[in-house]
Amino acid sequence: MSEPQLPQAVQRLVDAINAADTEAFVAAFANDGYVDDWGRVLSGPAGVRSWAETDAIGAGARMTVLEASTSDDVTELRFGWSSRVFNGESTAFATVRDDRVTAFRIPPHA
């Protein structure tokens, strides 16, 4: 089974996580971009880098996109995640503007 097609900016975000490339992860975001992980919001390049270092790349994360759908500028992802911080399936919403991610939101599980 192949991974779902993603907008280029979202694919760069996923690829950066899986390649353990913090610089590429930060570069996938707009300067005003942010990560919202269960209500913990980290903004701008420093905030995005901080999340990558503590919760994703620095935690040895691997992200497998299981399903994705895009409407306008928002892509909803269902993904598998494996790291030293969290293991399991989750959902995220990535918003893209001008080929950069402006928001990567992981809402709390219902």
PDB file of N, CA and C in Angstrom:
ATOM      1  N   MET A   1       0.843  -1.179   0.000  1.00  0.00           N
ATOM      2  CA  MET A   1       0.000   0.000   0.000  1.00  0.00           C
ATOM      3  C   MET A   1       0.886   1.239   0.000  1.00  0.00           C
ATOM      4  N   SER A   2       0.628   2.177  -0.900  1.00  0.00           N
ATOM      5  CA  SER A   2       1.421   3.394  -0.975  1.00  0.00           C
ATOM      6  C   SER A   2       0.826   4.467  -0.075  1.00  0.00           C
ATOM      7  N   GLU A   3       1.692   5.397   0.312  1.00  0.00           N
ATOM      8  CA  GLU A   3       1.224   6.496   1.155  1.00  0.00           C
ATOM      9  C   GLU A   3       0.331   7.422   0.338  1.00  0.00           C
ATOM     10  N   PRO A   4      -0.646   8.056   0.986  1.00  0.00           N
ATOM     11  CA  PRO A   4      -1.528   9.004   0.293  1.00  0.00           C
ATOM     12  C   PRO A   4      -0.736  10.183  -0.273  1.00  0.00           C
ATOM     13  N   GLN A   5      -1.253  10.775  -1.343  1.00  0.00           N
ATOM     14  CA  GLN A   5      -0.649  11.973  -1.924  1.00  0.00           C
ATOM     15  C   GLN A   5      -0.890  13.154  -0.991  1.00  0.00           C
ATOM     16  N   LEU A   6       0.145  13.927  -0.753  1.00  0.00           N
ATOM     17  CA  LEU A   6       0.078  15.083   0.135  1.00  0.00           C
ATOM     18  C   LEU A   6       0.533  16.328  -0.619  1.00  0.00           C
ATOM     19  N   PRO A   7       0.050  17.509  -0.210  1.00  0.00           N
ATOM     20  CA  PRO A   7       0.629  18.734  -0.752  1.00  0.00           C
ATOM     21  C   PRO A   7       2.135  18.736  -0.473  1.00  0.00           C
ATOM     22  N   GLN A   8       2.910  19.336  -1.355  1.00  0.00           N
ATOM     23  CA  GLN A   8       4.370  19.291  -1.227  1.00  0.00           C
ATOM     24  C   GLN A   8       4.870  19.755   0.129  1.00  0.00           C
ATOM     25  N   ALA A   9       4.312  20.833   0.659  1.00  0.00           N
ATOM     26  CA  ALA A   9       4.776  21.353   1.946  1.00  0.00           C
ATOM     27  C   ALA A   9       4.542  20.339   3.064  1.00  0.00           C
ATOM     28  N   VAL A  10       3.407  19.662   3.029  1.00  0.00           N
ATOM     29  CA  VAL A  10       3.101  18.656   4.052  1.00  0.00           C
ATOM     30  C   VAL A  10       4.014  17.445   3.873  1.00  0.00           C
ATOM     31  N   GLN A  11       4.261  17.052   2.635  1.00  0.00           N
ATOM     32  CA  GLN A  11       5.171  15.932   2.383  1.00  0.00           C
ATOM     33  C   GLN A  11       6.575  16.254   2.894  1.00  0.00           C
ATOM     34  N   ARG A  12       7.025  17.505   2.711  1.00  0.00           N
ATOM     35  CA  ARG A  12       8.351  17.894   3.233  1.00  0.00           C
ATOM     36  C   ARG A  12       8.400  17.773   4.749  1.00  0.00           C
ATOM     37  N   LEU A  13       7.319  18.136   5.428  1.00  0.00           N
ATOM     38  CA  LEU A  13       7.246  18.018   6.885  1.00  0.00           C
ATOM     39  C   LEU A  13       7.395  16.548   7.295  1.00  0.00           C
ATOM     40  N   VAL A  14       6.629  15.665   6.664  1.00  0.00           N
ATOM     41  CA  VAL A  14       6.685  14.228   6.970  1.00  0.00           C
ATOM     42  C   VAL A  14       8.072  13.676   6.653  1.00  0.00           C
ATOM     43  N   ASP A  15       8.604  14.020   5.483  1.00  0.00           N
ATOM     44  CA  ASP A  15       9.931  13.527   5.092  1.00  0.00           C
ATOM     45  C   ASP A  15      11.007  13.988   6.064  1.00  0.00           C
ATOM     46  N   ALA A  16      10.913  15.236   6.529  1.00  0.00           N
ATOM     47  CA  ALA A  16      11.910  15.760   7.466  1.00  0.00           C
ATOM     48  C   ALA A  16      11.881  15.001   8.785  1.00  0.00           C
ATOM     49  N   ILE A  17      10.681  14.703   9.281  1.00  0.00           N
ATOM     50  CA  ILE A  17      10.583  13.914  10.513  1.00  0.00           C
ATOM     51  C   ILE A  17      11.247  12.557  10.307  1.00  0.00           C
ATOM     52  N   ASN A  18      10.900  11.882   9.221  1.00  0.00           N
ATOM     53  CA  ASN A  18      11.407  10.533   8.993  1.00  0.00           C
ATOM     54  C   ASN A  18      12.896  10.487   8.657  1.00  0.00           C
ATOM     55  N   ALA A  19      13.445  11.602   8.177  1.00  0.00           N
ATOM     56  CA  ALA A  19      14.876  11.686   7.887  1.00  0.00           C
ATOM     57  C   ALA A  19      15.661  12.242   9.072  1.00  0.00           C
ATOM     58  N   ALA A  20      14.967  12.544  10.170  1.00  0.00           N
ATOM     59  CA  ALA A  20      15.585  13.139  11.357  1.00  0.00           C
ATOM     60  C   ALA A  20      16.335  14.428  10.992  1.00  0.00           C
ATOM     61  N   ASP A  21      15.691  15.258  10.162  1.00  0.00           N
ATOM     62  CA  ASP A  21      16.310  16.478   9.655  1.00  0.00           C
ATOM     63  C   ASP A  21      15.580  17.703  10.214  1.00  0.00           C
ATOM     64  N   THR A  22      16.067  18.191  11.337  1.00  0.00           N
ATOM     65  CA  THR A  22      15.429  19.326  12.000  1.00  0.00           C
ATOM     66  C   THR A  22      15.417  20.561  11.111  1.00  0.00           C
ATOM     67  N   GLU A  23      16.518  20.826  10.400  1.00  0.00           N
ATOM     68  CA  GLU A  23      16.577  22.011   9.544  1.00  0.00           C
ATOM     69  C   GLU A  23      15.509  21.955   8.457  1.00  0.00           C
ATOM     70  N   ALA A  24      15.329  20.796   7.835  1.00  0.00           N
ATOM     71  CA  ALA A  24      14.304  20.649   6.791  1.00  0.00           C
ATOM     72  C   ALA A  24      12.907  20.785   7.399  1.00  0.00           C
ATOM     73  N   PHE A  25      12.720  20.288   8.619  1.00  0.00           N
ATOM     74  CA  PHE A  25      11.425  20.408   9.289  1.00  0.00           C
ATOM     75  C   PHE A  25      11.090  21.882   9.502  1.00  0.00           C
ATOM     76  N   VAL A  26      12.010  22.637  10.064  1.00  0.00           N
ATOM     77  CA  VAL A  26      11.775  24.063  10.302  1.00  0.00           C
ATOM     78  C   VAL A  26      11.554  24.787   8.979  1.00  0.00           C
ATOM     79  N   ALA A  27      12.305  24.433   7.938  1.00  0.00           N
ATOM     80  CA  ALA A  27      12.181  25.078   6.629  1.00  0.00           C
ATOM     81  C   ALA A  27      10.846  24.793   5.955  1.00  0.00           C
ATOM     82  N   ALA A  28      10.157  23.727   6.352  1.00  0.00           N
ATOM     83  CA  ALA A  28       8.846  23.415   5.779  1.00  0.00           C
ATOM     84  C   ALA A  28       7.775  24.408   6.234  1.00  0.00           C
ATOM     85  N   PHE A  29       8.056  25.154   7.299  1.00  0.00           N
ATOM     86  CA  PHE A  29       7.092  26.086   7.893  1.00  0.00           C
ATOM     87  C   PHE A  29       7.316  27.518   7.433  1.00  0.00           C
ATOM     88  N   ALA A  30       6.225  28.271   7.351  1.00  0.00           N
ATOM     89  CA  ALA A  30       6.301  29.716   7.152  1.00  0.00           C
ATOM     90  C   ALA A  30       6.904  30.337   8.417  1.00  0.00           C
ATOM     91  N   ASN A  31       7.446  31.536   8.294  1.00  0.00           N
ATOM     92  CA  ASN A  31       8.045  32.199   9.462  1.00  0.00           C
ATOM     93  C   ASN A  31       7.045  32.396  10.595  1.00  0.00           C
ATOM     94  N   ASP A  32       5.751  32.545  10.260  1.00  0.00           N
ATOM     95  CA  ASP A  32       4.730  32.709  11.289  1.00  0.00           C
ATOM     96  C   ASP A  32       4.022  31.389  11.595  1.00  0.00           C
ATOM     97  N   GLY A  33       4.598  30.287  11.150  1.00  0.00           N
ATOM     98  CA  GLY A  33       3.991  28.976  11.372  1.00  0.00           C
ATOM     99  C   GLY A  33       4.098  28.532  12.825  1.00  0.00           C
ATOM    100  N   TYR A  34       3.265  27.532  13.143  1.00  0.00           N
ATOM    101  CA  TYR A  34       3.280  27.023  14.514  1.00  0.00           C
ATOM    102  C   TYR A  34       2.879  25.555  14.555  1.00  0.00           C
ATOM    103  N   VAL A  35       3.248  24.923  15.670  1.00  0.00           N
ATOM    104  CA  VAL A  35       2.803  23.575  16.005  1.00  0.00           C
ATOM    105  C   VAL A  35       1.894  23.703  17.211  1.00  0.00           C
ATOM    106  N   ASP A  36       0.732  23.072  17.147  1.00  0.00           N
ATOM    107  CA  ASP A  36      -0.214  23.019  18.272  1.00  0.00           C
ATOM    108  C   ASP A  36      -0.393  21.545  18.604  1.00  0.00           C
ATOM    109  N   ASP A  37       0.302  21.084  19.624  1.00  0.00           N
ATOM    110  CA  ASP A  37       0.291  19.680  20.026  1.00  0.00           C
ATOM    111  C   ASP A  37      -0.536  19.552  21.301  1.00  0.00           C
ATOM    112  N   TRP A  38      -1.789  19.133  21.133  1.00  0.00           N
ATOM    113  CA  TRP A  38      -2.725  18.972  22.250  1.00  0.00           C
ATOM    114  C   TRP A  38      -2.894  20.257  23.051  1.00  0.00           C
ATOM    115  N   GLY A  39      -2.902  21.408  22.361  1.00  0.00           N
ATOM    116  CA  GLY A  39      -3.101  22.686  23.026  1.00  0.00           C
ATOM    117  C   GLY A  39      -1.811  23.389  23.420  1.00  0.00           C
ATOM    118  N   ARG A  40      -0.690  22.718  23.311  1.00  0.00           N
ATOM    119  CA  ARG A  40       0.615  23.337  23.574  1.00  0.00           C
ATOM    120  C   ARG A  40       1.086  23.942  22.255  1.00  0.00           C
ATOM    121  N   VAL A  41       1.068  25.269  22.167  1.00  0.00           N
ATOM    122  CA  VAL A  41       1.370  25.968  20.922  1.00  0.00           C
ATOM    123  C   VAL A  41       2.799  26.504  20.968  1.00  0.00           C
ATOM    124  N   LEU A  42       3.559  26.155  19.922  1.00  0.00           N
ATOM    125  CA  LEU A  42       4.937  26.616  19.786  1.00  0.00           C
ATOM    126  C   LEU A  42       5.031  27.331  18.445  1.00  0.00           C
ATOM    127  N   SER A  43       5.333  28.637  18.484  1.00  0.00           N
ATOM    128  CA  SER A  43       5.236  29.489  17.303  1.00  0.00           C
ATOM    129  C   SER A  43       6.589  29.928  16.770  1.00  0.00           C
ATOM    130  N   GLY A  44       6.584  30.222  15.471  1.00  0.00           N
ATOM    131  CA  GLY A  44       7.768  30.741  14.801  1.00  0.00           C
ATOM    132  C   GLY A  44       8.848  29.684  14.681  1.00  0.00           C
ATOM    133  N   PRO A  45       9.926  30.019  13.985  1.00  0.00           N
ATOM    134  CA  PRO A  45      10.994  29.040  13.783  1.00  0.00           C
ATOM    135  C   PRO A  45      11.553  28.452  15.083  1.00  0.00           C
ATOM    136  N   ALA A  46      11.706  29.271  16.123  1.00  0.00           N
ATOM    137  CA  ALA A  46      12.245  28.762  17.390  1.00  0.00           C
ATOM    138  C   ALA A  46      11.270  27.788  18.044  1.00  0.00           C
ATOM    139  N   GLY A  47       9.983  28.089  17.998  1.00  0.00           N
ATOM    140  CA  GLY A  47       8.987  27.196  18.578  1.00  0.00           C
ATOM    141  C   GLY A  47       8.873  25.896  17.817  1.00  0.00           C
ATOM    142  N   VAL A  48       8.868  25.981  16.487  1.00  0.00           N
ATOM    143  CA  VAL A  48       8.790  24.785  15.646  1.00  0.00           C
ATOM    144  C   VAL A  48      10.022  23.906  15.894  1.00  0.00           C
ATOM    145  N   ARG A  49      11.198  24.517  15.963  1.00  0.00           N
ATOM    146  CA  ARG A  49      12.436  23.783  16.233  1.00  0.00           C
ATOM    147  C   ARG A  49      12.371  23.108  17.615  1.00  0.00           C
ATOM    148  N   SER A  50      11.860  23.829  18.595  1.00  0.00           N
ATOM    149  CA  SER A  50      11.758  23.279  19.944  1.00  0.00           C
ATOM    150  C   SER A  50      10.900  22.017  19.952  1.00  0.00           C
ATOM    151  N   TRP A  51       9.732  22.061  19.275  1.00  0.00           N
ATOM    152  CA  TRP A  51       8.861  20.886  19.225  1.00  0.00           C
ATOM    153  C   TRP A  51       9.562  19.740  18.509  1.00  0.00           C
ATOM    154  N   ALA A  52      10.232  20.055  17.404  1.00  0.00           N
ATOM    155  CA  ALA A  52      10.947  19.005  16.662  1.00  0.00           C
ATOM    156  C   ALA A  52      11.988  18.339  17.548  1.00  0.00           C
ATOM    157  N   GLU A  53      12.687  19.122  18.349  1.00  0.00           N
ATOM    158  CA  GLU A  53      13.762  18.587  19.180  1.00  0.00           C
ATOM    159  C   GLU A  53      13.251  17.787  20.372  1.00  0.00           C
ATOM    160  N   THR A  54      12.099  18.166  20.929  1.00  0.00           N
ATOM    161  CA  THR A  54      11.612  17.480  22.132  1.00  0.00           C
ATOM    162  C   THR A  54      10.596  16.386  21.847  1.00  0.00           C
ATOM    163  N   ASP A  55       9.733  16.582  20.851  1.00  0.00           N
ATOM    164  CA  ASP A  55       8.607  15.672  20.652  1.00  0.00           C
ATOM    165  C   ASP A  55       8.673  14.861  19.366  1.00  0.00           C
ATOM    166  N   ALA A  56       9.532  15.225  18.443  1.00  0.00           N
ATOM    167  CA  ALA A  56       9.548  14.541  17.148  1.00  0.00           C
ATOM    168  C   ALA A  56      10.950  14.010  16.850  1.00  0.00           C
ATOM    169  N   ILE A  57      11.729  14.786  16.141  1.00  0.00           N
ATOM    170  CA  ILE A  57      13.033  14.329  15.672  1.00  0.00           C
ATOM    171  C   ILE A  57      13.954  13.969  16.833  1.00  0.00           C
ATOM    172  N   GLY A  58      13.986  14.789  17.852  1.00  0.00           N
ATOM    173  CA  GLY A  58      14.817  14.498  19.019  1.00  0.00           C
ATOM    174  C   GLY A  58      14.346  13.299  19.820  1.00  0.00           C
ATOM    175  N   ALA A  59      13.109  12.868  19.578  1.00  0.00           N
ATOM    176  CA  ALA A  59      12.552  11.702  20.262  1.00  0.00           C
ATOM    177  C   ALA A  59      12.580  10.465  19.369  1.00  0.00           C
ATOM    178  N   GLY A  60      13.297  10.566  18.230  1.00  0.00           N
ATOM    179  CA  GLY A  60      13.425   9.413  17.342  1.00  0.00           C
ATOM    180  C   GLY A  60      12.138   9.057  16.611  1.00  0.00           C
ATOM    181  N   ALA A  61      11.332  10.041  16.292  1.00  0.00           N
ATOM    182  CA  ALA A  61      10.008   9.785  15.706  1.00  0.00           C
ATOM    183  C   ALA A  61      10.084   9.244  14.282  1.00  0.00           C
ATOM    184  N   ARG A  62       9.104   8.398  13.986  1.00  0.00           N
ATOM    185  CA  ARG A  62       8.814   7.926  12.627  1.00  0.00           C
ATOM    186  C   ARG A  62       7.326   8.152  12.424  1.00  0.00           C
ATOM    187  N   MET A  63       6.973   8.756  11.287  1.00  0.00           N
ATOM    188  CA  MET A  63       5.581   9.099  10.988  1.00  0.00           C
ATOM    189  C   MET A  63       5.170   8.378   9.710  1.00  0.00           C
ATOM    190  N   THR A  64       4.093   7.617   9.792  1.00  0.00           N
ATOM    191  CA  THR A  64       3.553   6.921   8.635  1.00  0.00           C
ATOM    192  C   THR A  64       2.152   7.442   8.371  1.00  0.00           C
ATOM    193  N   VAL A  65       1.963   8.103   7.243  1.00  0.00           N
ATOM    194  CA  VAL A  65       0.651   8.636   6.892  1.00  0.00           C
ATOM    195  C   VAL A  65      -0.223   7.479   6.430  1.00  0.00           C
ATOM    196  N   LEU A  66      -1.337   7.280   7.117  1.00  0.00           N
ATOM    197  CA  LEU A  66      -2.258   6.194   6.812  1.00  0.00           C
ATOM    198  C   LEU A  66      -3.376   6.649   5.887  1.00  0.00           C
ATOM    199  N   GLU A  67      -3.870   7.852   6.111  1.00  0.00           N
ATOM    200  CA  GLU A  67      -4.925   8.448   5.290  1.00  0.00           C
ATOM    201  C   GLU A  67      -4.720   9.951   5.272  1.00  0.00           C
ATOM    202  N   ALA A  68      -5.144  10.577   4.180  1.00  0.00           N
ATOM    203  CA  ALA A  68      -5.069  12.032   4.097  1.00  0.00           C
ATOM    204  C   ALA A  68      -6.137  12.539   3.154  1.00  0.00           C
ATOM    205  N   SER A  69      -6.678  13.694   3.493  1.00  0.00           N
ATOM    206  CA  SER A  69      -7.609  14.376   2.595  1.00  0.00           C
ATOM    207  C   SER A  69      -7.354  15.874   2.711  1.00  0.00           C
ATOM    208  N   THR A  70      -7.417  16.540   1.564  1.00  0.00           N
ATOM    209  CA  THR A  70      -7.137  17.970   1.527  1.00  0.00           C
ATOM    210  C   THR A  70      -8.360  18.708   1.012  1.00  0.00           C
ATOM    211  N   SER A  71      -8.721  19.768   1.731  1.00  0.00           N
ATOM    212  CA  SER A  71      -9.803  20.650   1.320  1.00  0.00           C
ATOM    213  C   SER A  71      -9.280  22.075   1.450  1.00  0.00           C
ATOM    214  N   ASP A  72      -9.263  22.782   0.330  1.00  0.00           N
ATOM    215  CA  ASP A  72      -8.698  24.132   0.281  1.00  0.00           C
ATOM    216  C   ASP A  72      -7.240  24.082   0.749  1.00  0.00           C
ATOM    217  N   ASP A  73      -6.919  24.764   1.835  1.00  0.00           N
ATOM    218  CA  ASP A  73      -5.526  24.823   2.276  1.00  0.00           C
ATOM    219  C   ASP A  73      -5.236  23.932   3.486  1.00  0.00           C
ATOM    220  N   VAL A  74      -6.183  23.083   3.880  1.00  0.00           N
ATOM    221  CA  VAL A  74      -6.019  22.238   5.069  1.00  0.00           C
ATOM    222  C   VAL A  74      -6.006  20.764   4.667  1.00  0.00           C
ATOM    223  N   THR A  75      -4.979  20.056   5.137  1.00  0.00           N
ATOM    224  CA  THR A  75      -4.884  18.617   4.927  1.00  0.00           C
ATOM    225  C   THR A  75      -5.073  17.927   6.270  1.00  0.00           C
ATOM    226  N   GLU A  76      -6.041  17.009   6.314  1.00  0.00           N
ATOM    227  CA  GLU A  76      -6.253  16.187   7.505  1.00  0.00           C
ATOM    228  C   GLU A  76      -5.481  14.889   7.311  1.00  0.00           C
ATOM    229  N   LEU A  77      -4.691  14.549   8.302  1.00  0.00           N
ATOM    230  CA  LEU A  77      -3.867  13.346   8.255  1.00  0.00           C
ATOM    231  C   LEU A  77      -4.252  12.396   9.375  1.00  0.00           C
ATOM    232  N   ARG A  78      -4.373  11.131   9.063  1.00  0.00           N
ATOM    233  CA  ARG A  78      -4.396  10.090  10.099  1.00  0.00           C
ATOM    234  C   ARG A  78      -3.067   9.382   9.932  1.00  0.00           C
ATOM    235  N   PHE A  79      -2.325   9.282  11.030  1.00  0.00           N
ATOM    236  CA  PHE A  79      -0.970   8.768  10.902  1.00  0.00           C
ATOM    237  C   PHE A  79      -0.593   7.867  12.072  1.00  0.00           C
ATOM    238  N   GLY A  80       0.345   6.992  11.790  1.00  0.00           N
ATOM    239  CA  GLY A  80       0.979   6.203  12.831  1.00  0.00           C
ATOM    240  C   GLY A  80       2.241   6.925  13.269  1.00  0.00           C
ATOM    241  N   TRP A  81       2.525   6.879  14.555  1.00  0.00           N
ATOM    242  CA  TRP A  81       3.664   7.602  15.126  1.00  0.00           C
ATOM    243  C   TRP A  81       4.386   6.665  16.071  1.00  0.00           C
ATOM    244  N   SER A  82       5.678   6.641  15.950  1.00  0.00           N
ATOM    245  CA  SER A  82       6.501   5.836  16.839  1.00  0.00           C
ATOM    246  C   SER A  82       7.656   6.698  17.311  1.00  0.00           C
ATOM    247  N   SER A  83       7.771   6.878  18.633  1.00  0.00           N
ATOM    248  CA  SER A  83       8.870   7.672  19.197  1.00  0.00           C
ATOM    249  C   SER A  83       9.029   7.325  20.666  1.00  0.00           C
ATOM    250  N   ARG A  84      10.010   7.958  21.295  1.00  0.00           N
ATOM    251  CA  ARG A  84      10.196   7.771  22.735  1.00  0.00           C
ATOM    252  C   ARG A  84       9.169   8.557  23.547  1.00  0.00           C
ATOM    253  N   VAL A  85       8.368   9.425  22.886  1.00  0.00           N
ATOM    254  CA  VAL A  85       7.371  10.252  23.574  1.00  0.00           C
ATOM    255  C   VAL A  85       5.969   9.673  23.423  1.00  0.00           C
ATOM    256  N   PHE A  86       5.613   9.229  22.213  1.00  0.00           N
ATOM    257  CA  PHE A  86       4.269   8.744  21.933  1.00  0.00           C
ATOM    258  C   PHE A  86       4.351   7.647  20.882  1.00  0.00           C
ATOM    259  N   ASN A  87       3.514   6.630  21.050  1.00  0.00           N
ATOM    260  CA  ASN A  87       3.385   5.565  20.064  1.00  0.00           C
ATOM    261  C   ASN A  87       1.908   5.311  19.839  1.00  0.00           C
ATOM    262  N   GLY A  88       1.507   5.242  18.579  1.00  0.00           N
ATOM    263  CA  GLY A  88       0.114   4.958  18.266  1.00  0.00           C
ATOM    264  C   GLY A  88      -0.342   5.749  17.064  1.00  0.00           C
ATOM    265  N   GLU A  89      -1.650   5.778  16.873  1.00  0.00           N
ATOM    266  CA  GLU A  89      -2.239   6.527  15.768  1.00  0.00           C
ATOM    267  C   GLU A  89      -2.806   7.834  16.284  1.00  0.00           C
ATOM    268  N   SER A  90      -2.776   8.832  15.417  1.00  0.00           N
ATOM    269  CA  SER A  90      -3.288  10.138  15.780  1.00  0.00           C
ATOM    270  C   SER A  90      -3.799  10.836  14.525  1.00  0.00           C
ATOM    271  N   THR A  91      -4.349  12.014  14.726  1.00  0.00           N
ATOM    272  CA  THR A  91      -4.851  12.851  13.646  1.00  0.00           C
ATOM    273  C   THR A  91      -4.179  14.211  13.748  1.00  0.00           C
ATOM    274  N   ALA A  92      -3.909  14.807  12.611  1.00  0.00           N
ATOM    275  CA  ALA A  92      -3.352  16.156  12.578  1.00  0.00           C
ATOM    276  C   ALA A  92      -3.982  16.918  11.422  1.00  0.00           C
ATOM    277  N   PHE A  93      -3.918  18.230  11.519  1.00  0.00           N
ATOM    278  CA  PHE A  93      -4.394  19.120  10.478  1.00  0.00           C
ATOM    279  C   PHE A  93      -3.247  20.058  10.111  1.00  0.00           C
ATOM    280  N   ALA A  94      -2.845  20.023   8.861  1.00  0.00           N
ATOM    281  CA  ALA A  94      -1.769  20.890   8.383  1.00  0.00           C
ATOM    282  C   ALA A  94      -2.362  21.929   7.442  1.00  0.00           C
ATOM    283  N   THR A  95      -2.106  23.190   7.747  1.00  0.00           N
ATOM    284  CA  THR A  95      -2.560  24.291   6.910  1.00  0.00           C
ATOM    285  C   THR A  95      -1.365  24.811   6.120  1.00  0.00           C
ATOM    286  N   VAL A  96      -1.574  25.027   4.813  1.00  0.00           N
ATOM    287  CA  VAL A  96      -0.492  25.457   3.924  1.00  0.00           C
ATOM    288  C   VAL A  96      -0.845  26.795   3.288  1.00  0.00           C
ATOM    289  N   ARG A  97       0.154  27.664   3.215  1.00  0.00           N
ATOM    290  CA  ARG A  97       0.037  28.942   2.507  1.00  0.00           C
ATOM    291  C   ARG A  97       1.345  29.172   1.755  1.00  0.00           C
ATOM    292  N   ASP A  98       1.237  29.469   0.464  1.00  0.00           N
ATOM    293  CA  ASP A  98       2.424  29.756  -0.348  1.00  0.00           C
ATOM    294  C   ASP A  98       3.495  28.675  -0.218  1.00  0.00           C
ATOM    295  N   ASP A  99       3.072  27.418  -0.281  1.00  0.00           N
ATOM    296  CA  ASP A  99       3.964  26.261  -0.251  1.00  0.00           C
ATOM    297  C   ASP A  99       4.761  26.121   1.053  1.00  0.00           C
ATOM    298  N   ARG A 100       4.219  26.653   2.136  1.00  0.00           N
ATOM    299  CA  ARG A 100       4.817  26.476   3.468  1.00  0.00           C
ATOM    300  C   ARG A 100       3.708  26.121   4.442  1.00  0.00           C
ATOM    301  N   VAL A 101       4.029  25.334   5.443  1.00  0.00           N
ATOM    302  CA  VAL A 101       3.071  24.982   6.491  1.00  0.00           C
ATOM    303  C   VAL A 101       2.938  26.178   7.423  1.00  0.00           C
ATOM    304  N   THR A 102       1.694  26.595   7.661  1.00  0.00           N
ATOM    305  CA  THR A 102       1.470  27.692   8.608  1.00  0.00           C
ATOM    306  C   THR A 102       0.984  27.167   9.950  1.00  0.00           C
ATOM    307  N   ALA A 103       0.394  25.966   9.945  1.00  0.00           N
ATOM    308  CA  ALA A 103      -0.083  25.375  11.196  1.00  0.00           C
ATOM    309  C   ALA A 103      -0.027  23.854  11.068  1.00  0.00           C
ATOM    310  N   PHE A 104       0.468  23.220  12.119  1.00  0.00           N
ATOM    311  CA  PHE A 104       0.437  21.770  12.246  1.00  0.00           C
ATOM    312  C   PHE A 104      -0.218  21.487  13.592  1.00  0.00           C
ATOM    313  N   ARG A 105      -1.511  21.118  13.536  1.00  0.00           N
ATOM    314  CA  ARG A 105      -2.298  20.970  14.758  1.00  0.00           C
ATOM    315  C   ARG A 105      -2.601  19.495  15.018  1.00  0.00           C
ATOM    316  N   ILE A 106      -2.249  19.047  16.211  1.00  0.00           N
ATOM    317  CA  ILE A 106      -2.561  17.687  16.659  1.00  0.00           C
ATOM    318  C   ILE A 106      -3.526  17.844  17.825  1.00  0.00           C
ATOM    319  N   PRO A 107      -4.829  17.631  17.569  1.00  0.00           N
ATOM    320  CA  PRO A 107      -5.813  17.819  18.650  1.00  0.00           C
ATOM    321  C   PRO A 107      -5.777  16.651  19.628  1.00  0.00           C
ATOM    322  N   PRO A 108      -6.226  16.894  20.862  1.00  0.00           N
ATOM    323  CA  PRO A 108      -6.321  15.788  21.829  1.00  0.00           C
ATOM    324  C   PRO A 108      -7.262  14.703  21.306  1.00  0.00           C
ATOM    325  N   HIS A 109      -6.977  13.465  21.689  1.00  0.00           N
ATOM    326  CA  HIS A 109      -7.872  12.357  21.320  1.00  0.00           C
ATOM    327  C   HIS A 109      -9.219  12.547  21.988  1.00  0.00           C
ATOM    328  N   ALA A 110     -10.274  12.236  21.266  1.00  0.00           N
ATOM    329  CA  ALA A 110     -11.638  12.367  21.826  1.00  0.00           C
ATOM    330  C   ALA A 110     -11.933  11.259  22.796  1.00  0.00           C
TER     331      ALA A 110
END
